[in-house]
Amino acid sequence: MVAMIAPTIGIDPLSLHFLAAMLPAIALGSIGVAGVGGGGTFAALIVLSTLNFPVALVGIFIAIEPIVDMARTALNVNGSMMSGVLANRILNNHTADDMPAVIDRP
């Protein structure tokens, strides 16, 4: 969200100076909002205020944030499921062939 707001106040979001200032602010801000519902908006407020950007511009993005948040949640759930499947395959715990034996076990 910060990279979308930066051009509206005349800052190039691809400049090295902007990225060097933004990345530590995002890293520190994300620690405090991990696991919070709608945390993207809170993180944006933290990062914008840290970089001395106008916080009022977040109001524009609040209208579309629920849609983006749903997509972000779906991506996180998909990543969690995929990492579980990959760990299972790598560790050779159970495969699809022996699942009936696992399910039918008392």
PDB file of N, CA and C in Angstrom:
ATOM      1  N   MET A   1       0.827  -1.175   0.000  1.00  0.00           N
ATOM      2  CA  MET A   1       0.000   0.000   0.000  1.00  0.00           C
ATOM      3  C   MET A   1       0.880   1.251   0.000  1.00  0.00           C
ATOM      4  N   VAL A   2       2.008   1.177   0.676  1.00  0.00           N
ATOM      5  CA  VAL A   2       2.913   2.323   0.728  1.00  0.00           C
ATOM      6  C   VAL A   2       3.465   2.618  -0.663  1.00  0.00           C
ATOM      7  N   ALA A   3       3.770   1.573  -1.418  1.00  0.00           N
ATOM      8  CA  ALA A   3       4.292   1.768  -2.769  1.00  0.00           C
ATOM      9  C   ALA A   3       3.235   2.349  -3.699  1.00  0.00           C
ATOM     10  N   MET A   4       1.958   2.150  -3.393  1.00  0.00           N
ATOM     11  CA  MET A   4       0.899   2.740  -4.210  1.00  0.00           C
ATOM     12  C   MET A   4       0.650   4.191  -3.827  1.00  0.00           C
ATOM     13  N   ILE A   5       0.891   4.539  -2.582  1.00  0.00           N
ATOM     14  CA  ILE A   5       0.652   5.906  -2.124  1.00  0.00           C
ATOM     15  C   ILE A   5       1.834   6.812  -2.464  1.00  0.00           C
ATOM     16  N   ALA A   6       3.038   6.269  -2.519  1.00  0.00           N
ATOM     17  CA  ALA A   6       4.239   7.073  -2.763  1.00  0.00           C
ATOM     18  C   ALA A   6       4.159   7.922  -4.033  1.00  0.00           C
ATOM     19  N   PRO A   7       3.702   7.400  -5.174  1.00  0.00           N
ATOM     20  CA  PRO A   7       3.645   8.257  -6.367  1.00  0.00           C
ATOM     21  C   PRO A   7       2.659   9.419  -6.242  1.00  0.00           C
ATOM     22  N   THR A   8       1.649   9.282  -5.396  1.00  0.00           N
ATOM     23  CA  THR A   8       0.681  10.373  -5.252  1.00  0.00           C
ATOM     24  C   THR A   8       1.276  11.585  -4.552  1.00  0.00           C
ATOM     25  N   ILE A   9       2.381  11.391  -3.842  1.00  0.00           N
ATOM     26  CA  ILE A   9       3.038  12.531  -3.195  1.00  0.00           C
ATOM     27  C   ILE A   9       4.386  12.844  -3.841  1.00  0.00           C
ATOM     28  N   GLY A  10       4.606  12.296  -5.033  1.00  0.00           N
ATOM     29  CA  GLY A  10       5.777  12.647  -5.824  1.00  0.00           C
ATOM     30  C   GLY A  10       7.039  11.860  -5.523  1.00  0.00           C
ATOM     31  N   ILE A  11       6.911  10.665  -4.974  1.00  0.00           N
ATOM     32  CA  ILE A  11       8.078   9.835  -4.674  1.00  0.00           C
ATOM     33  C   ILE A  11       8.091   8.643  -5.622  1.00  0.00           C
ATOM     34  N   ASP A  12       9.251   8.369  -6.189  1.00  0.00           N
ATOM     35  CA  ASP A  12       9.403   7.216  -7.077  1.00  0.00           C
ATOM     36  C   ASP A  12       9.497   5.947  -6.227  1.00  0.00           C
ATOM     37  N   PRO A  13       8.509   5.036  -6.344  1.00  0.00           N
ATOM     38  CA  PRO A  13       8.531   3.839  -5.493  1.00  0.00           C
ATOM     39  C   PRO A  13       9.622   2.837  -5.854  1.00  0.00           C
ATOM     40  N   LEU A  14      10.286   3.026  -6.980  1.00  0.00           N
ATOM     41  CA  LEU A  14      11.349   2.106  -7.385  1.00  0.00           C
ATOM     42  C   LEU A  14      12.744   2.645  -7.086  1.00  0.00           C
ATOM     43  N   SER A  15      12.822   3.833  -6.480  1.00  0.00           N
ATOM     44  CA  SER A  15      14.139   4.388  -6.172  1.00  0.00           C
ATOM     45  C   SER A  15      14.777   3.627  -5.016  1.00  0.00           C
ATOM     46  N   LEU A  16      16.074   3.529  -5.065  1.00  0.00           N
ATOM     47  CA  LEU A  16      16.811   2.791  -4.044  1.00  0.00           C
ATOM     48  C   LEU A  16      16.660   3.441  -2.672  1.00  0.00           C
ATOM     49  N   HIS A  17      16.621   4.763  -2.641  1.00  0.00           N
ATOM     50  CA  HIS A  17      16.471   5.476  -1.372  1.00  0.00           C
ATOM     51  C   HIS A  17      15.123   5.159  -0.723  1.00  0.00           C
ATOM     52  N   PHE A  18      14.062   5.149  -1.523  1.00  0.00           N
ATOM     53  CA  PHE A  18      12.731   4.840  -0.990  1.00  0.00           C
ATOM     54  C   PHE A  18      12.665   3.395  -0.506  1.00  0.00           C
ATOM     55  N   LEU A  19      13.207   2.464  -1.288  1.00  0.00           N
ATOM     56  CA  LEU A  19      13.184   1.056  -0.891  1.00  0.00           C
ATOM     57  C   LEU A  19      13.998   0.816   0.374  1.00  0.00           C
ATOM     58  N   ALA A  20      15.132   1.502   0.500  1.00  0.00           N
ATOM     59  CA  ALA A  20      15.965   1.343   1.695  1.00  0.00           C
ATOM     60  C   ALA A  20      15.267   1.873   2.939  1.00  0.00           C
ATOM     61  N   ALA A  21      14.423   2.874   2.786  1.00  0.00           N
ATOM     62  CA  ALA A  21      13.672   3.399   3.932  1.00  0.00           C
ATOM     63  C   ALA A  21      12.429   2.566   4.211  1.00  0.00           C
ATOM     64  N   MET A  22      11.811   2.047   3.155  1.00  0.00           N
ATOM     65  CA  MET A  22      10.545   1.339   3.304  1.00  0.00           C
ATOM     66  C   MET A  22      10.723  -0.070   3.877  1.00  0.00           C
ATOM     67  N   LEU A  23      11.711  -0.813   3.429  1.00  0.00           N
ATOM     68  CA  LEU A  23      11.848  -2.213   3.837  1.00  0.00           C
ATOM     69  C   LEU A  23      12.046  -2.408   5.339  1.00  0.00           C
ATOM     70  N   PRO A  24      12.924  -1.657   6.007  1.00  0.00           N
ATOM     71  CA  PRO A  24      13.014  -1.837   7.467  1.00  0.00           C
ATOM     72  C   PRO A  24      11.735  -1.429   8.191  1.00  0.00           C
ATOM     73  N   ALA A  25      11.071  -0.387   7.697  1.00  0.00           N
ATOM     74  CA  ALA A  25       9.820   0.043   8.329  1.00  0.00           C
ATOM     75  C   ALA A  25       8.752  -1.034   8.190  1.00  0.00           C
ATOM     76  N   ILE A  26       8.685  -1.673   7.044  1.00  0.00           N
ATOM     77  CA  ILE A  26       7.708  -2.746   6.837  1.00  0.00           C
ATOM     78  C   ILE A  26       8.066  -3.959   7.689  1.00  0.00           C
ATOM     79  N   ALA A  27       9.345  -4.293   7.758  1.00  0.00           N
ATOM     80  CA  ALA A  27       9.761  -5.454   8.555  1.00  0.00           C
ATOM     81  C   ALA A  27       9.421  -5.257  10.027  1.00  0.00           C
ATOM     82  N   LEU A  28       9.696  -4.089  10.559  1.00  0.00           N
ATOM     83  CA  LEU A  28       9.385  -3.827  11.963  1.00  0.00           C
ATOM     84  C   LEU A  28       7.886  -3.695  12.196  1.00  0.00           C
ATOM     85  N   GLY A  29       7.180  -3.085  11.255  1.00  0.00           N
ATOM     86  CA  GLY A  29       5.735  -2.924  11.408  1.00  0.00           C
ATOM     87  C   GLY A  29       4.976  -4.223  11.295  1.00  0.00           C
ATOM     88  N   SER A  30       5.477  -5.153  10.505  1.00  0.00           N
ATOM     89  CA  SER A  30       4.765  -6.419  10.324  1.00  0.00           C
ATOM     90  C   SER A  30       4.867  -7.317  11.545  1.00  0.00           C
ATOM     91  N   ILE A  31       5.865  -7.102  12.377  1.00  0.00           N
ATOM     92  CA  ILE A  31       5.994  -7.915  13.591  1.00  0.00           C
ATOM     93  C   ILE A  31       4.821  -7.664  14.522  1.00  0.00           C
ATOM     94  N   GLY A  32       4.391  -6.430  14.612  1.00  0.00           N
ATOM     95  CA  GLY A  32       3.324  -6.087  15.540  1.00  0.00           C
ATOM     96  C   GLY A  32       1.934  -6.442  15.076  1.00  0.00           C
ATOM     97  N   VAL A  33       1.731  -6.680  13.793  1.00  0.00           N
ATOM     98  CA  VAL A  33       0.380  -6.935  13.296  1.00  0.00           C
ATOM     99  C   VAL A  33       0.198  -8.345  12.755  1.00  0.00           C
ATOM    100  N   ALA A  34       1.143  -9.224  12.997  1.00  0.00           N
ATOM    101  CA  ALA A  34       1.023 -10.596  12.500  1.00  0.00           C
ATOM    102  C   ALA A  34      -0.151 -11.287  13.172  1.00  0.00           C
ATOM    103  N   GLY A  35      -1.022 -11.860  12.383  1.00  0.00           N
ATOM    104  CA  GLY A  35      -2.164 -12.595  12.904  1.00  0.00           C
ATOM    105  C   GLY A  35      -3.367 -11.742  13.240  1.00  0.00           C
ATOM    106  N   VAL A  36      -3.304 -10.456  13.020  1.00  0.00           N
ATOM    107  CA  VAL A  36      -4.425  -9.565  13.306  1.00  0.00           C
ATOM    108  C   VAL A  36      -5.304  -9.497  12.067  1.00  0.00           C
ATOM    109  N   GLY A  37      -6.612  -9.659  12.245  1.00  0.00           N
ATOM    110  CA  GLY A  37      -7.527  -9.546  11.117  1.00  0.00           C
ATOM    111  C   GLY A  37      -7.494  -8.148  10.533  1.00  0.00           C
ATOM    112  N   GLY A  38      -7.364  -8.052   9.228  1.00  0.00           N
ATOM    113  CA  GLY A  38      -7.246  -6.748   8.587  1.00  0.00           C
ATOM    114  C   GLY A  38      -5.925  -6.078   8.914  1.00  0.00           C
ATOM    115  N   GLY A  39      -4.922  -6.871   9.201  1.00  0.00           N
ATOM    116  CA  GLY A  39      -3.631  -6.341   9.622  1.00  0.00           C
ATOM    117  C   GLY A  39      -2.922  -5.525   8.566  1.00  0.00           C
ATOM    118  N   GLY A  40      -3.286  -5.720   7.308  1.00  0.00           N
ATOM    119  CA  GLY A  40      -2.652  -4.945   6.245  1.00  0.00           C
ATOM    120  C   GLY A  40      -2.903  -3.460   6.386  1.00  0.00           C
ATOM    121  N   THR A  41      -4.114  -3.100   6.796  1.00  0.00           N
ATOM    122  CA  THR A  41      -4.441  -1.689   6.992  1.00  0.00           C
ATOM    123  C   THR A  41      -3.664  -1.119   8.167  1.00  0.00           C
ATOM    124  N   PHE A  42      -3.590  -1.875   9.255  1.00  0.00           N
ATOM    125  CA  PHE A  42      -2.840  -1.405  10.419  1.00  0.00           C
ATOM    126  C   PHE A  42      -1.359  -1.276  10.092  1.00  0.00           C
ATOM    127  N   ALA A  43      -0.831  -2.243   9.354  1.00  0.00           N
ATOM    128  CA  ALA A  43       0.580  -2.186   8.972  1.00  0.00           C
ATOM    129  C   ALA A  43       0.843  -0.983   8.075  1.00  0.00           C
ATOM    130  N   ALA A  44      -0.092  -0.694   7.170  1.00  0.00           N
ATOM    131  CA  ALA A  44       0.074   0.467   6.294  1.00  0.00           C
ATOM    132  C   ALA A  44       0.080   1.758   7.101  1.00  0.00           C
ATOM    133  N   LEU A  45      -0.785   1.844   8.096  1.00  0.00           N
ATOM    134  CA  LEU A  45      -0.805   3.041   8.941  1.00  0.00           C
ATOM    135  C   LEU A  45       0.509   3.210   9.695  1.00  0.00           C
ATOM    136  N   ILE A  46       1.047   2.112  10.194  1.00  0.00           N
ATOM    137  CA  ILE A  46       2.320   2.167  10.925  1.00  0.00           C
ATOM    138  C   ILE A  46       3.450   2.607  10.000  1.00  0.00           C
ATOM    139  N   VAL A  47       3.517   2.005   8.820  1.00  0.00           N
ATOM    140  CA  VAL A  47       4.613   2.315   7.895  1.00  0.00           C
ATOM    141  C   VAL A  47       4.479   3.731   7.351  1.00  0.00           C
ATOM    142  N   LEU A  48       3.257   4.154   7.023  1.00  0.00           N
ATOM    143  CA  LEU A  48       3.068   5.512   6.508  1.00  0.00           C
ATOM    144  C   LEU A  48       3.464   6.557   7.537  1.00  0.00           C
ATOM    145  N   SER A  49       3.073   6.343   8.782  1.00  0.00           N
ATOM    146  CA  SER A  49       3.446   7.323   9.806  1.00  0.00           C
ATOM    147  C   SER A  49       4.949   7.291  10.079  1.00  0.00           C
ATOM    148  N   THR A  50       5.575   6.126   9.957  1.00  0.00           N
ATOM    149  CA  THR A  50       7.024   6.030  10.146  1.00  0.00           C
ATOM    150  C   THR A  50       7.774   6.792   9.060  1.00  0.00           C
ATOM    151  N   LEU A  51       7.279   6.734   7.833  1.00  0.00           N
ATOM    152  CA  LEU A  51       7.934   7.401   6.708  1.00  0.00           C
ATOM    153  C   LEU A  51       7.478   8.846   6.526  1.00  0.00           C
ATOM    154  N   ASN A  52       6.656   9.358   7.450  1.00  0.00           N
ATOM    155  CA  ASN A  52       6.111  10.725   7.394  1.00  0.00           C
ATOM    156  C   ASN A  52       5.276  10.964   6.139  1.00  0.00           C
ATOM    157  N   PHE A  53       4.528   9.963   5.719  1.00  0.00           N
ATOM    158  CA  PHE A  53       3.589  10.101   4.616  1.00  0.00           C
ATOM    159  C   PHE A  53       2.237  10.499   5.187  1.00  0.00           C
ATOM    160  N   PRO A  54       1.373  11.102   4.374  1.00  0.00           N
ATOM    161  CA  PRO A  54       0.034  11.448   4.869  1.00  0.00           C
ATOM    162  C   PRO A  54      -0.808  10.190   5.103  1.00  0.00           C
ATOM    163  N   VAL A  55      -1.213   9.984   6.334  1.00  0.00           N
ATOM    164  CA  VAL A  55      -1.966   8.790   6.714  1.00  0.00           C
ATOM    165  C   VAL A  55      -3.383   8.840   6.159  1.00  0.00           C
ATOM    166  N   ALA A  56      -3.888  10.021   5.864  1.00  0.00           N
ATOM    167  CA  ALA A  56      -5.259  10.166   5.375  1.00  0.00           C
ATOM    168  C   ALA A  56      -5.470   9.469   4.036  1.00  0.00           C
ATOM    169  N   LEU A  57      -4.408   9.241   3.285  1.00  0.00           N
ATOM    170  CA  LEU A  57      -4.551   8.582   1.984  1.00  0.00           C
ATOM    171  C   LEU A  57      -4.928   7.114   2.110  1.00  0.00           C
ATOM    172  N   VAL A  58      -4.795   6.537   3.296  1.00  0.00           N
ATOM    173  CA  VAL A  58      -5.197   5.141   3.497  1.00  0.00           C
ATOM    174  C   VAL A  58      -6.701   5.003   3.337  1.00  0.00           C
ATOM    175  N   GLY A  59      -7.441   6.073   3.593  1.00  0.00           N
ATOM    176  CA  GLY A  59      -8.895   6.038   3.444  1.00  0.00           C
ATOM    177  C   GLY A  59      -9.340   5.639   2.051  1.00  0.00           C
ATOM    178  N   ILE A  60      -8.543   5.958   1.061  1.00  0.00           N
ATOM    179  CA  ILE A  60      -8.871   5.573  -0.317  1.00  0.00           C
ATOM    180  C   ILE A  60      -8.814   4.055  -0.473  1.00  0.00           C
ATOM    181  N   PHE A  61      -7.856   3.434   0.175  1.00  0.00           N
ATOM    182  CA  PHE A  61      -7.643   2.001   0.012  1.00  0.00           C
ATOM    183  C   PHE A  61      -8.491   1.150   0.945  1.00  0.00           C
ATOM    184  N   ILE A  62      -9.089   1.769   1.963  1.00  0.00           N
ATOM    185  CA  ILE A  62      -9.906   0.992   2.898  1.00  0.00           C
ATOM    186  C   ILE A  62     -11.118   0.385   2.188  1.00  0.00           C
ATOM    187  N   ALA A  63     -11.593   1.034   1.140  1.00  0.00           N
ATOM    188  CA  ALA A  63     -12.754   0.513   0.410  1.00  0.00           C
ATOM    189  C   ALA A  63     -12.436  -0.807  -0.293  1.00  0.00           C
ATOM    190  N   ILE A  64     -11.230  -0.975  -0.787  1.00  0.00           N
ATOM    191  CA  ILE A  64     -10.885  -2.207  -1.502  1.00  0.00           C
ATOM    192  C   ILE A  64     -10.100  -3.185  -0.640  1.00  0.00           C
ATOM    193  N   GLU A  65      -9.736  -2.781   0.564  1.00  0.00           N
ATOM    194  CA  GLU A  65      -8.916  -3.636   1.427  1.00  0.00           C
ATOM    195  C   GLU A  65      -9.567  -4.977   1.750  1.00  0.00           C
ATOM    196  N   PRO A  66     -10.895  -5.067   2.003  1.00  0.00           N
ATOM    197  CA  PRO A  66     -11.465  -6.396   2.276  1.00  0.00           C
ATOM    198  C   PRO A  66     -11.277  -7.385   1.129  1.00  0.00           C
ATOM    199  N   ILE A  67     -11.338  -6.914  -0.098  1.00  0.00           N
ATOM    200  CA  ILE A  67     -11.146  -7.797  -1.249  1.00  0.00           C
ATOM    201  C   ILE A  67      -9.692  -8.265  -1.306  1.00  0.00           C
ATOM    202  N   VAL A  68      -8.776  -7.341  -1.121  1.00  0.00           N
ATOM    203  CA  VAL A  68      -7.357  -7.687  -1.125  1.00  0.00           C
ATOM    204  C   VAL A  68      -7.039  -8.609   0.048  1.00  0.00           C
ATOM    205  N   ASP A  69      -7.670  -8.360   1.201  1.00  0.00           N
ATOM    206  CA  ASP A  69      -7.425  -9.181   2.382  1.00  0.00           C
ATOM    207  C   ASP A  69      -7.914 -10.610   2.168  1.00  0.00           C
ATOM    208  N   MET A  70      -9.042 -10.774   1.480  1.00  0.00           N
ATOM    209  CA  MET A  70      -9.527 -12.130   1.188  1.00  0.00           C
ATOM    210  C   MET A  70      -8.553 -12.869   0.276  1.00  0.00           C
ATOM    211  N   ALA A  71      -8.035 -12.175  -0.719  1.00  0.00           N
ATOM    212  CA  ALA A  71      -7.061 -12.806  -1.614  1.00  0.00           C
ATOM    213  C   ALA A  71      -5.777 -13.141  -0.859  1.00  0.00           C
ATOM    214  N   ARG A  72      -5.354 -12.255   0.022  1.00  0.00           N
ATOM    215  CA  ARG A  72      -4.152 -12.503   0.829  1.00  0.00           C
ATOM    216  C   ARG A  72      -4.353 -13.711   1.736  1.00  0.00           C
ATOM    217  N   THR A  73      -5.540 -13.818   2.343  1.00  0.00           N
ATOM    218  CA  THR A  73      -5.833 -14.955   3.211  1.00  0.00           C
ATOM    219  C   THR A  73      -5.848 -16.254   2.412  1.00  0.00           C
ATOM    220  N   ALA A  74      -6.461 -16.231   1.229  1.00  0.00           N
ATOM    221  CA  ALA A  74      -6.489 -17.432   0.389  1.00  0.00           C
ATOM    222  C   ALA A  74      -5.071 -17.855   0.005  1.00  0.00           C
ATOM    223  N   LEU A  75      -4.222 -16.892  -0.286  1.00  0.00           N
ATOM    224  CA  LEU A  75      -2.836 -17.205  -0.633  1.00  0.00           C
ATOM    225  C   LEU A  75      -2.093 -17.800   0.564  1.00  0.00           C
ATOM    226  N   ASN A  76      -2.322 -17.253   1.756  1.00  0.00           N
ATOM    227  CA  ASN A  76      -1.671 -17.794   2.954  1.00  0.00           C
ATOM    228  C   ASN A  76      -2.140 -19.209   3.260  1.00  0.00           C
ATOM    229  N   VAL A  77      -3.444 -19.465   3.133  1.00  0.00           N
ATOM    230  CA  VAL A  77      -3.972 -20.805   3.385  1.00  0.00           C
ATOM    231  C   VAL A  77      -3.416 -21.786   2.361  1.00  0.00           C
ATOM    232  N   ASN A  78      -3.364 -21.372   1.104  1.00  0.00           N
ATOM    233  CA  ASN A  78      -2.816 -22.229   0.055  1.00  0.00           C
ATOM    234  C   ASN A  78      -1.346 -22.547   0.330  1.00  0.00           C
ATOM    235  N   GLY A  79      -0.590 -21.559   0.753  1.00  0.00           N
ATOM    236  CA  GLY A  79       0.815 -21.790   1.074  1.00  0.00           C
ATOM    237  C   GLY A  79       0.994 -22.736   2.249  1.00  0.00           C
ATOM    238  N   SER A  80       0.135 -22.603   3.254  1.00  0.00           N
ATOM    239  CA  SER A  80       0.223 -23.499   4.409  1.00  0.00           C
ATOM    240  C   SER A  80      -0.109 -24.933   4.021  1.00  0.00           C
ATOM    241  N   MET A  81      -1.151 -25.104   3.200  1.00  0.00           N
ATOM    242  CA  MET A  81      -1.507 -26.455   2.760  1.00  0.00           C
ATOM    243  C   MET A  81      -0.403 -27.055   1.897  1.00  0.00           C
ATOM    244  N   MET A  82       0.157 -26.244   1.022  1.00  0.00           N
ATOM    245  CA  MET A  82       1.203 -26.741   0.136  1.00  0.00           C
ATOM    246  C   MET A  82       2.450 -27.122   0.917  1.00  0.00           C
ATOM    247  N   SER A  83       2.798 -26.354   1.931  1.00  0.00           N
ATOM    248  CA  SER A  83       3.982 -26.714   2.717  1.00  0.00           C
ATOM    249  C   SER A  83       3.745 -27.995   3.502  1.00  0.00           C
ATOM    250  N   GLY A  84       2.518 -28.226   3.954  1.00  0.00           N
ATOM    251  CA  GLY A  84       2.201 -29.490   4.620  1.00  0.00           C
ATOM    252  C   GLY A  84       2.299 -30.673   3.680  1.00  0.00           C
ATOM    253  N   VAL A  85       1.795 -30.506   2.472  1.00  0.00           N
ATOM    254  CA  VAL A  85       1.863 -31.580   1.476  1.00  0.00           C
ATOM    255  C   VAL A  85       3.316 -31.861   1.097  1.00  0.00           C
ATOM    256  N   LEU A  86       4.097 -30.805   0.893  1.00  0.00           N
ATOM    257  CA  LEU A  86       5.504 -31.006   0.528  1.00  0.00           C
ATOM    258  C   LEU A  86       6.296 -31.659   1.656  1.00  0.00           C
ATOM    259  N   ALA A  87       6.039 -31.247   2.887  1.00  0.00           N
ATOM    260  CA  ALA A  87       6.733 -31.873   4.016  1.00  0.00           C
ATOM    261  C   ALA A  87       6.372 -33.344   4.111  1.00  0.00           C
ATOM    262  N   ASN A  88       5.107 -33.658   3.865  1.00  0.00           N
ATOM    263  CA  ASN A  88       4.666 -35.050   3.891  1.00  0.00           C
ATOM    264  C   ASN A  88       5.357 -35.861   2.797  1.00  0.00           C
ATOM    265  N   ARG A  89       5.449 -35.286   1.616  1.00  0.00           N
ATOM    266  CA  ARG A  89       6.094 -35.995   0.511  1.00  0.00           C
ATOM    267  C   ARG A  89       7.585 -36.166   0.754  1.00  0.00           C
ATOM    268  N   ILE A  90       8.234 -35.133   1.256  1.00  0.00           N
ATOM    269  CA  ILE A  90       9.680 -35.206   1.480  1.00  0.00           C
ATOM    270  C   ILE A  90      10.011 -36.202   2.580  1.00  0.00           C
ATOM    271  N   LEU A  91       9.204 -36.217   3.636  1.00  0.00           N
ATOM    272  CA  LEU A  91       9.468 -37.112   4.759  1.00  0.00           C
ATOM    273  C   LEU A  91       8.927 -38.518   4.541  1.00  0.00           C
ATOM    274  N   ASN A  92       8.190 -38.728   3.450  1.00  0.00           N
ATOM    275  CA  ASN A  92       7.629 -40.035   3.099  1.00  0.00           C
ATOM    276  C   ASN A  92       6.793 -40.637   4.224  1.00  0.00           C
ATOM    277  N   ASN A  93       5.990 -39.824   4.871  1.00  0.00           N
ATOM    278  CA  ASN A  93       5.148 -40.336   5.957  1.00  0.00           C
ATOM    279  C   ASN A  93       4.023 -41.211   5.416  1.00  0.00           C
ATOM    280  N   HIS A  94       3.147 -40.640   4.645  1.00  0.00           N
ATOM    281  CA  HIS A  94       2.027 -41.382   4.071  1.00  0.00           C
ATOM    282  C   HIS A  94       1.810 -40.900   2.647  1.00  0.00           C
ATOM    283  N   THR A  95       1.446 -41.827   1.800  1.00  0.00           N
ATOM    284  CA  THR A  95       1.126 -41.483   0.425  1.00  0.00           C
ATOM    285  C   THR A  95      -0.337 -41.764   0.178  1.00  0.00           C
ATOM    286  N   ALA A  96      -0.803 -41.413  -0.990  1.00  0.00           N
ATOM    287  CA  ALA A  96      -2.203 -41.655  -1.329  1.00  0.00           C
ATOM    288  C   ALA A  96      -2.501 -43.148  -1.392  1.00  0.00           C
ATOM    289  N   ASP A  97      -1.495 -43.989  -1.680  1.00  0.00           N
ATOM    290  CA  ASP A  97      -1.712 -45.432  -1.781  1.00  0.00           C
ATOM    291  C   ASP A  97      -2.024 -46.076  -0.436  1.00  0.00           C
ATOM    292  N   ASP A  98      -1.401 -45.602   0.639  1.00  0.00           N
ATOM    293  CA  ASP A  98      -1.648 -46.243   1.927  1.00  0.00           C
ATOM    294  C   ASP A  98      -2.658 -45.481   2.786  1.00  0.00           C
ATOM    295  N   MET A  99      -3.345 -44.511   2.231  1.00  0.00           N
ATOM    296  CA  MET A  99      -4.338 -43.770   3.005  1.00  0.00           C
ATOM    297  C   MET A  99      -5.520 -44.632   3.439  1.00  0.00           C
ATOM    298  N   PRO A 100      -6.047 -45.569   2.624  1.00  0.00           N
ATOM    299  CA  PRO A 100      -7.138 -46.415   3.131  1.00  0.00           C
ATOM    300  C   PRO A 100      -6.723 -47.209   4.363  1.00  0.00           C
ATOM    301  N   ALA A 101      -5.478 -47.662   4.404  1.00  0.00           N
ATOM    302  CA  ALA A 101      -5.006 -48.403   5.580  1.00  0.00           C
ATOM    303  C   ALA A 101      -4.931 -47.497   6.800  1.00  0.00           C
ATOM    304  N   VAL A 102      -4.585 -46.262   6.600  1.00  0.00           N
ATOM    305  CA  VAL A 102      -4.507 -45.319   7.717  1.00  0.00           C
ATOM    306  C   VAL A 102      -5.904 -44.961   8.199  1.00  0.00           C
ATOM    307  N   ILE A 103      -6.831 -44.775   7.280  1.00  0.00           N
ATOM    308  CA  ILE A 103      -8.198 -44.389   7.643  1.00  0.00           C
ATOM    309  C   ILE A 103      -8.926 -45.543   8.315  1.00  0.00           C
ATOM    310  N   ASP A 104      -8.738 -46.785   7.829  1.00  0.00           N
ATOM    311  CA  ASP A 104      -9.460 -47.940   8.368  1.00  0.00           C
ATOM    312  C   ASP A 104      -8.878 -48.450   9.676  1.00  0.00           C
ATOM    313  N   ARG A 105      -7.745 -47.947  10.082  1.00  0.00           N
ATOM    314  CA  ARG A 105      -7.111 -48.404  11.312  1.00  0.00           C
ATOM    315  C   ARG A 105      -7.978 -48.030  12.518  1.00  0.00           C
ATOM    316  N   PRO A 106      -8.180 -48.956  13.492  1.00  0.00           N
ATOM    317  CA  PRO A 106      -9.036 -48.634  14.658  1.00  0.00           C
ATOM    318  C   PRO A 106      -8.400 -47.655  15.604  1.00  0.00           C
TER     319      PRO A 106
END
